[in-house]
Amino acid sequence: MSTQPVTMDGFLQAVPVHGARGAAAFDLVSSPTGDLADDVVIPCTTMTPRIVTALLTEIQPGDHLCVFGTLIEADVVDGSAQLTVDILEVLAPPWREHCARWSRTGMATTP
């Protein structure tokens, strides 16, 4: 098993789940090329209390996130990997929220 520090951005795929010992687990969808066909789903976990709280109470599916942590690559044929997140930043809320604001106000808003 190998580990490496990594920073990546992507979109929260679904509602995060509360895990054992105060952890939170979530899937980050990232595309190295920007092409939908190249999307990769990275399973992520964190035990950082403020990140767990934000994931379980504030952050929504579709949010654009930037995460920094340790990528753990298993020594198996399927190439599975998991990211342990130490730092998380919300880059933009879900587009549906922007669309809802725009339809209510008649004007576009910026994130």
Foldseek 3Di string as FASTA:
>chain_A
DDKDKDKFKFFWAAQWDQDPPRKIKTWGWGAPVPDPVRIDIAIEMENPNVVSCCSNPPAGGQFIKMFIAMKAFDPDDVRHIHGYTDDMDGPGHHVVVQVVVCVVVVDGDDD
